[in-house]
C-alpha cells in the first residue's frame, strides 16, 4: 500500500508516524498524482510544536510538492488537459481564486490540519486539475518541490503588497536564509531592485551576496544595525523603499528612519512571536504596515511563470531520500528548529514507479 507520514500526539513535540493509506481514486476533474518530492516549511514545525490551529493527526504533513501525473482510467475518459507523466506543481492552498484583497471564502493551507485532508508527505494524492501548474523544466525535482508555498508567499509580499518591485528600488529582506526571504531576494534581484538583508549569521549574508544582494548586516552583533545598513545604501537613493519581514517584533522601530516617506513594511509572519507595533513617528512619516499571507491561485500561476521565464532556482539546503527514513526526516525538522538552513529542506520520495518518470518539456 502507499505510504504517508502523519504525526502522533505528544505533549511538547508531536512525533512522526509512517502509515499505510489506500491509493486515492480521482473524482470528476481531478488527477491522480505521484509525489516525487515534498518540502518543509516553518508551519510544519509549528504543527509539530502544537503552535498551529486545527492540527490533525490523520492528515499527512507538508504543503509543498513536485509530482507526476499518474495514469488512471477515469482521467482518460474525462479528457483532462495534463497527460500521464507530466511533472506538475500543486497550489499549496485552496479557496482563494483571484481577489487581490484576500480570499473570497474560507482559505486553507494543505498539510497537517483538519481544514484540509490533503498533505504532500505521502506517495499519491488526488488534486483538481485546475490547481496545478506545469513544473518549470529547468528545476530539479527538489527545487520544484521547494517552490510553491515560499514562492507564492514571497511573490504576493513583494509584488502585490509592497508595490515596489521596480528597478533601482531599495528593498530590505529580513532574516535571510528562510525559504520565503530567499525567494523575495531572488524575485527582487530579477526585477532589478537593490536588495539588502539582515541575518544573525555572517555566512548567510555572504551567501545572499552571491545570490545578488547588495549587502547585509548582522542584527544580533552590530549595535545599531539600522545605522550600519544606512551606510550601505546608494548615495543617490539613501533610503529604503520597502521592507519585507517575517519576524515581527520591533521591525517598525528599527526601520522607520530608513524608509522613505510613504514607505512600506510588508509582514508575512511573526516567527519571533512578538507583535509588531506602528509608532507615531512612523504614522507621521506615512509609513504603511501591510499584512500578507500566502496568495491566490492567480498569483500562484503568475509566480510560476516568472520563475520559468527568468530561470530562477529556489535554494535547497538539504535533501533526504525515502519516505520511510523517519529519523533522517526528523533531522530536517531539527535543522528548521535550530535555523541552521540556508534554503529549503526537501524529502525526495521514492516509489515503485519512480523509474517510469518522463520529464515535461516546457
Protein backbone atom coordinates (compact mmCIF):
# COMPACT_ATOMS: atom_id res chain seq x y z
CA UNK A 1 0.00 0.00 0.00
CA UNK A 2 1.09 3.63 -0.47
CA UNK A 3 2.76 5.33 2.49
CA UNK A 4 2.12 8.65 4.22
CA UNK A 5 3.68 10.49 7.18
CA UNK A 6 1.41 11.96 9.83
CA UNK A 7 2.02 12.99 13.44
CA UNK A 8 1.18 11.20 16.67
CA UNK A 9 0.29 13.29 19.72
CA UNK A 10 2.98 14.09 22.27
CA UNK A 11 2.95 16.70 25.00
CA UNK A 12 5.51 19.18 23.63
CA UNK A 13 6.57 17.93 20.22
CA UNK A 14 4.40 15.61 18.13
CA UNK A 15 6.24 12.61 16.71
CA UNK A 16 6.35 11.45 13.08
CA UNK A 17 4.48 8.29 12.16
CA UNK A 18 4.57 6.32 8.90
CA UNK A 19 1.27 4.73 7.96
CA UNK A 20 -0.32 2.82 5.10
CA UNK A 21 -3.03 4.62 3.16
CA UNK A 22 -5.26 3.44 0.32
CA UNK A 23 -4.47 4.53 -3.22
CA UNK A 24 -6.81 7.50 -3.76
CA UNK A 25 -9.24 7.50 -6.66
CA UNK A 26 -9.67 10.78 -8.56
CA UNK A 27 -13.11 12.34 -8.73
CA UNK A 28 -14.52 14.48 -11.53
CA UNK A 29 -11.94 16.94 -12.91
CA UNK A 30 -9.26 15.51 -10.59
CA UNK A 31 -5.91 13.90 -11.36
CA UNK A 32 -4.07 11.14 -9.56
CA UNK A 33 -0.57 12.38 -8.77
CA UNK A 34 2.57 10.54 -7.70
CA UNK A 35 4.55 12.73 -5.31
CA UNK A 36 8.19 12.91 -6.35
CA UNK A 37 9.49 15.34 -3.71
CA UNK A 38 7.99 17.36 -0.84
CA UNK A 39 9.41 20.30 1.10
CA UNK A 40 9.20 21.53 4.67
CA UNK A 41 8.01 24.97 5.79
CA UNK A 42 8.02 26.63 9.21
CA UNK A 43 4.31 25.92 9.56
CA UNK A 44 5.15 22.19 9.61
CA UNK A 45 7.44 22.76 12.58
CA UNK A 46 4.74 24.81 14.33
CA UNK A 47 2.29 21.96 13.78
CA UNK A 48 4.68 19.54 15.48
CA UNK A 49 5.20 22.04 18.31
CA UNK A 50 1.43 22.36 18.80
CA UNK A 51 1.59 26.06 17.86
CA UNK A 52 -0.74 25.91 14.86
CA UNK A 53 -4.56 25.84 14.72
CA UNK A 54 -6.69 22.83 13.75
CA UNK A 55 -3.89 20.26 13.97
CA UNK A 56 -4.76 16.84 12.53
CA UNK A 57 -3.21 13.52 13.47
CA UNK A 58 -4.58 11.89 10.32
CA UNK A 59 -3.82 14.38 7.53
CA UNK A 60 -0.29 13.98 6.09
CA UNK A 61 2.16 16.82 6.69
CA UNK A 62 3.60 19.36 4.23
CA UNK A 63 2.04 21.74 1.71
CA UNK A 64 4.78 21.73 -0.94
CA UNK A 65 5.35 19.10 -3.61
CA UNK A 66 6.51 18.29 -7.08
CA UNK A 67 4.51 15.44 -8.61
CA UNK A 68 3.92 13.39 -11.73
CA UNK A 69 0.50 12.85 -13.27
CA UNK A 70 -0.20 9.15 -12.74
CA UNK A 71 -2.31 7.22 -15.25
CA UNK A 72 -5.85 6.37 -14.15
CA UNK A 73 -8.83 5.15 -16.23
CA UNK A 74 -11.12 7.97 -15.09
CA UNK A 75 -8.67 10.61 -16.32
CA UNK A 76 -8.66 9.23 -19.85
CA UNK A 77 -12.45 9.33 -20.05
CA UNK A 78 -12.57 12.97 -18.86
CA UNK A 79 -10.03 14.25 -21.43
CA UNK A 80 -8.22 16.29 -18.77
CA UNK A 81 -5.52 18.70 -20.01
CA UNK A 82 -2.43 17.05 -18.46
CA UNK A 83 -1.11 13.77 -19.82
CA UNK A 84 0.35 10.96 -17.73
CA UNK A 85 3.97 11.54 -16.58
CA UNK A 86 3.65 15.33 -16.85
CA UNK A 87 5.57 16.98 -14.00
CA UNK A 88 3.46 19.45 -12.03
CA UNK A 89 3.37 21.79 -9.05
CA UNK A 90 0.38 21.86 -6.71
CA UNK A 91 -1.16 25.09 -5.44
CA UNK A 92 -0.36 24.86 -1.68
CA UNK A 93 -3.72 26.27 -0.60
CA UNK A 94 -7.33 26.35 -1.73
CA UNK A 95 -10.27 28.75 -1.53
CA UNK A 96 -8.64 31.86 -2.99
CA UNK A 97 -9.10 32.43 -6.70
CA UNK A 98 -8.03 35.92 -7.73
CA UNK A 99 -9.12 38.74 -5.41
CA UNK A 100 -6.01 40.85 -4.65
CA UNK A 101 -7.52 41.95 -1.33
CA UNK A 102 -7.73 38.44 0.11
CA UNK A 103 -9.54 35.09 -0.08
CA UNK A 104 -13.07 35.11 -1.46
CA UNK A 105 -14.12 32.45 1.08
CA UNK A 106 -12.65 30.01 3.55
CA UNK A 107 -8.95 29.59 2.73
CA UNK A 108 -6.99 26.52 3.75
CA UNK A 109 -3.32 25.58 3.50
CA UNK A 110 -2.63 21.93 2.77
CA UNK A 111 -0.82 19.61 5.17
CA UNK A 112 -1.26 18.56 8.76
CA UNK A 113 -4.56 20.21 9.67
CA UNK A 114 -8.22 19.23 9.83
CA UNK A 115 -9.17 22.07 7.48
CA UNK A 116 -7.68 20.20 4.51
CA UNK A 117 -7.42 16.43 4.06
CA UNK A 118 -4.60 16.95 1.56
CA UNK A 119 -0.95 16.74 2.62
CA UNK A 120 2.13 16.19 0.45
CA UNK A 121 4.28 13.92 2.64
CA UNK A 122 2.84 10.81 1.02
CA UNK A 123 3.23 8.85 -2.18
CA UNK A 124 -0.05 9.56 -4.02
CA UNK A 125 -2.68 12.31 -3.90
CA UNK A 126 -5.68 13.40 -5.96
CA UNK A 127 -5.93 17.09 -6.84
CA UNK A 128 -8.28 19.13 -9.07
CA UNK A 129 -6.58 19.74 -12.41
CA UNK A 130 -7.34 23.46 -12.05
CA UNK A 131 -4.98 23.64 -9.02
CA UNK A 132 -1.91 22.50 -10.97
CA UNK A 133 0.87 24.31 -12.84
CA UNK A 134 3.46 22.74 -15.11
CA UNK A 135 6.76 22.46 -13.25
CA UNK A 136 9.44 24.63 -14.90
CA UNK A 137 11.75 22.37 -16.87
CA UNK A 138 14.98 23.98 -15.59
CA UNK A 139 14.23 22.93 -11.99
CA UNK A 140 15.25 19.65 -10.40
CA UNK A 141 12.56 17.72 -8.53
CA UNK A 142 13.85 19.06 -5.20
CA UNK A 143 13.96 22.65 -6.47
CA UNK A 144 10.46 22.33 -7.89
CA UNK A 145 9.14 20.95 -4.58
CA UNK A 146 10.78 23.88 -2.77
CA UNK A 147 8.89 26.48 -4.79
CA UNK A 148 5.10 26.53 -4.18
CA UNK A 149 4.42 27.91 -0.69
CA UNK A 150 7.52 30.05 -0.25
CA UNK A 151 7.39 31.25 -3.84
CA UNK A 152 3.73 32.21 -3.56
CA UNK A 153 4.17 33.94 -0.20
CA UNK A 154 7.23 35.85 -1.44
CA UNK A 155 5.54 36.83 -4.70
CA UNK A 156 2.50 38.32 -3.01
CA UNK A 157 4.56 40.08 -0.32
CA UNK A 158 6.95 41.69 -2.82
CA UNK A 159 4.90 42.14 -5.99
CA UNK A 160 1.32 42.61 -4.81
CA UNK A 161 1.68 44.10 -1.34
CA UNK A 162 4.89 46.15 -1.41
CA UNK A 163 4.23 47.57 -4.90
CA UNK A 164 7.94 48.44 -5.00
CA UNK A 165 9.36 45.66 -7.17
CA UNK A 166 10.90 48.04 -9.69
CA UNK A 167 14.42 48.51 -11.00
CA UNK A 168 16.52 50.72 -8.75
CA UNK A 169 14.26 50.46 -5.70
CA UNK A 170 15.91 49.59 -2.37
CA UNK A 171 14.36 46.56 -0.66
CA UNK A 172 15.29 45.18 2.77
CA UNK A 173 14.68 41.47 3.34
CA UNK A 174 14.98 40.44 6.97
CA UNK A 175 16.05 37.04 8.29
CA UNK A 176 17.76 35.82 5.14
CA UNK A 177 18.14 32.05 4.99
CA UNK A 178 14.49 31.12 5.32
CA UNK A 179 12.62 29.95 2.26
CA UNK A 180 10.33 32.98 1.82
CA UNK A 181 13.12 35.51 2.43
CA UNK A 182 15.31 33.82 -0.16
CA UNK A 183 12.53 33.81 -2.76
CA UNK A 184 11.90 37.52 -2.10
CA UNK A 185 15.62 38.10 -2.68
CA UNK A 186 15.60 36.15 -5.95
CA UNK A 187 12.43 37.83 -7.25
CA UNK A 188 13.63 41.32 -6.32
CA UNK A 189 17.05 40.80 -7.93
CA UNK A 190 15.33 39.56 -11.11
CA UNK A 191 13.23 42.75 -11.06
CA UNK A 192 16.37 44.91 -10.85
CA UNK A 193 15.96 46.02 -7.23
CA UNK A 194 18.83 46.75 -4.86
CA UNK A 195 18.34 44.14 -2.14
CA UNK A 196 19.77 44.32 1.38
CA UNK A 197 19.44 41.61 4.02
CA UNK A 198 19.71 41.01 7.74
CA UNK A 199 20.77 37.85 9.50
CA UNK A 200 22.28 36.52 12.70
CA UNK A 201 24.92 34.70 10.66
CA UNK A 202 27.66 36.29 8.55
CA UNK A 203 27.84 33.15 6.38
CA UNK A 204 24.22 33.63 5.35
CA UNK A 205 24.84 37.27 4.46
CA UNK A 206 27.76 36.23 2.25
CA UNK A 207 25.61 33.57 0.59
CA UNK A 208 22.94 36.21 -0.04
CA UNK A 209 25.52 38.41 -1.74
CA UNK A 210 26.37 35.53 -4.07
CA UNK A 211 22.67 35.37 -4.97
CA UNK A 212 22.63 39.08 -5.83
CA UNK A 213 22.13 41.02 -2.58
CA UNK A 214 23.98 44.34 -2.46
CA UNK A 215 24.93 43.79 1.17
CA UNK A 216 23.70 42.91 4.63
CA UNK A 217 24.08 43.45 8.36
CA UNK A 218 24.09 41.24 11.44
CA UNK A 219 21.09 42.16 13.57
CA UNK A 220 22.46 40.23 16.57
CA UNK A 221 26.03 41.52 16.83
CA UNK A 222 26.03 45.02 15.37
CA UNK A 223 24.74 47.55 17.84
CA UNK A 224 22.50 49.90 15.94
CA UNK A 225 22.29 47.73 12.80
CA UNK A 226 19.99 50.24 11.07
CA UNK A 227 22.88 52.75 11.15
CA UNK A 228 25.18 50.13 9.63
CA UNK A 229 22.61 49.44 6.94
CA UNK A 230 22.22 53.13 6.12
CA UNK A 231 25.92 53.25 5.20
CA UNK A 232 25.33 50.56 2.56
CA UNK A 233 22.54 52.40 0.73
CA UNK A 234 23.31 54.21 -2.57
CA UNK A 235 24.27 57.89 -2.28
CA UNK A 236 21.68 58.84 -4.89
CA UNK A 237 18.89 56.92 -3.09
CA UNK A 238 19.83 56.81 0.61
CA UNK A 239 16.61 55.26 1.88
CA UNK A 240 14.60 52.06 1.76
CA UNK A 241 11.52 51.83 -0.42
CA UNK A 242 10.15 48.71 1.26
CA UNK A 243 10.89 46.16 3.98
CA UNK A 244 9.78 42.53 3.61
CA UNK A 245 9.71 40.94 7.05
CA UNK A 246 8.79 37.57 8.51
CA UNK A 247 9.96 38.02 12.10
CA UNK A 248 7.77 40.76 13.55
CA UNK A 249 8.88 42.37 16.80
CA UNK A 250 10.28 45.88 16.60
CA UNK A 251 10.62 45.94 12.82
CA UNK A 252 8.84 49.32 12.59
CA UNK A 253 11.02 50.86 15.30
CA UNK A 254 14.16 49.54 13.63
CA UNK A 255 13.39 50.71 10.10
CA UNK A 256 11.10 53.74 10.10
CA UNK A 257 14.04 56.17 9.97
CA UNK A 258 15.46 54.31 6.97
CA UNK A 259 12.23 54.20 4.99
CA UNK A 260 11.19 56.90 2.54
CA UNK A 261 8.07 58.97 3.09
CA UNK A 262 5.19 56.62 2.42
CA UNK A 263 7.47 53.58 2.60
CA UNK A 264 6.02 50.12 3.08
CA UNK A 265 6.68 47.35 5.58
CA UNK A 266 5.16 44.02 4.50
CA UNK A 267 4.78 41.41 7.24
CA UNK A 268 4.25 37.82 6.12
CA UNK A 269 4.87 36.20 9.51
CA UNK A 270 5.89 36.67 13.14
CA UNK A 271 8.49 33.99 13.83
CA UNK A 272 9.78 35.97 16.84
CA UNK A 273 6.32 35.59 18.41
CA UNK A 274 6.49 39.35 19.23
CA UNK A 275 3.77 41.51 17.69
CA UNK A 276 4.93 44.46 15.54
CA UNK A 277 3.56 47.88 16.52
CA UNK A 278 3.17 51.06 14.46
CA UNK A 279 4.77 54.02 16.23
CA UNK A 280 3.57 57.62 15.96
CA UNK A 281 6.85 58.54 14.27
CA UNK A 282 6.05 56.01 11.54
CA UNK A 283 2.50 57.34 11.27
CA UNK A 284 3.77 60.91 10.80
CA UNK A 285 6.05 59.63 8.04
CA UNK A 286 3.06 57.95 6.35
CA UNK A 287 4.70 54.54 6.58
CA UNK A 288 2.35 51.61 5.94
CA UNK A 289 2.46 48.25 7.71
CA UNK A 290 0.77 45.68 5.46
CA UNK A 291 -0.04 42.09 6.29
CA UNK A 292 0.42 39.41 3.64
CA UNK A 293 -0.47 35.72 3.75
CA UNK A 294 0.18 33.13 1.05
CA UNK A 295 -1.60 34.18 -2.17
CA UNK A 296 -4.33 33.48 -4.70
CA UNK A 297 -4.50 30.87 -7.44
CA UNK A 298 -3.94 33.68 -9.93
CA UNK A 299 -0.79 34.84 -8.10
CA UNK A 300 0.45 31.25 -7.95
CA UNK A 301 0.27 30.99 -11.74
CA UNK A 302 1.97 34.37 -12.19
CA UNK A 303 4.77 33.36 -9.83
CA UNK A 304 5.46 30.05 -11.59
CA UNK A 305 5.54 31.76 -14.99
CA UNK A 306 8.03 34.36 -13.68
CA UNK A 307 10.27 31.58 -12.32
CA UNK A 308 10.13 29.84 -15.69
CA UNK A 309 10.85 32.98 -17.72
CA UNK A 310 13.74 34.16 -15.53
CA UNK A 311 15.17 30.67 -14.85
CA UNK A 312 15.04 31.29 -11.10
CA UNK A 313 16.18 28.40 -8.92
CA UNK A 314 14.93 28.06 -5.33
CA UNK A 315 17.76 27.44 -2.89
CA UNK A 316 17.76 23.90 -1.49
CA UNK A 317 19.86 23.30 1.62
CA UNK A 318 19.44 19.56 2.11
CA UNK A 319 17.58 16.59 0.64
CA UNK A 320 16.65 13.36 2.42
CA UNK A 321 15.71 10.39 0.23
CA UNK A 322 12.94 7.94 1.09
CA UNK A 323 9.59 8.41 2.80
CA UNK A 324 10.38 5.56 5.19
CA UNK A 325 13.53 7.24 6.58
CA UNK A 326 11.79 8.85 9.56
CA UNK A 327 14.97 9.53 11.52
CA UNK A 328 16.52 11.42 8.61
CA UNK A 329 13.30 13.36 8.00
CA UNK A 330 13.23 14.19 11.70
CA UNK A 331 16.71 15.64 11.19
CA UNK A 332 15.30 18.11 8.66
CA UNK A 333 12.89 19.34 11.31
CA UNK A 334 15.82 19.77 13.70
CA UNK A 335 17.60 21.92 11.10
CA UNK A 336 14.46 24.04 10.86
CA UNK A 337 14.10 24.27 14.63
CA UNK A 338 17.70 25.45 15.06
CA UNK A 339 17.59 27.79 12.00
CA UNK A 340 20.65 26.04 10.56
CA UNK A 341 19.39 26.04 7.00
CA UNK A 342 20.05 28.45 4.16
CA UNK A 343 17.28 27.39 1.82
CA UNK A 344 14.69 24.67 1.71
CA UNK A 345 14.69 21.21 3.28
CA UNK A 346 13.30 18.53 0.99
CA UNK A 347 12.18 14.90 1.16
CA UNK A 348 12.78 13.03 -2.10
CA UNK A 349 10.03 10.41 -2.16
CA UNK A 350 10.81 7.09 -3.81
CA UNK A 351 8.02 4.86 -5.08
CA UNK A 352 7.84 1.65 -7.06
CA UNK A 353 7.04 3.59 -10.24
CA UNK A 354 9.87 6.13 -9.87
CA UNK A 355 11.66 4.77 -12.93
CA UNK A 356 8.69 5.48 -15.15
CA UNK A 357 9.14 9.23 -14.90
CA UNK A 358 9.10 11.28 -18.12
CA UNK A 359 10.30 14.89 -17.85
CA UNK A 360 7.85 17.50 -19.07
CA UNK A 361 9.14 19.61 -21.96
CA UNK A 362 8.45 23.28 -21.34
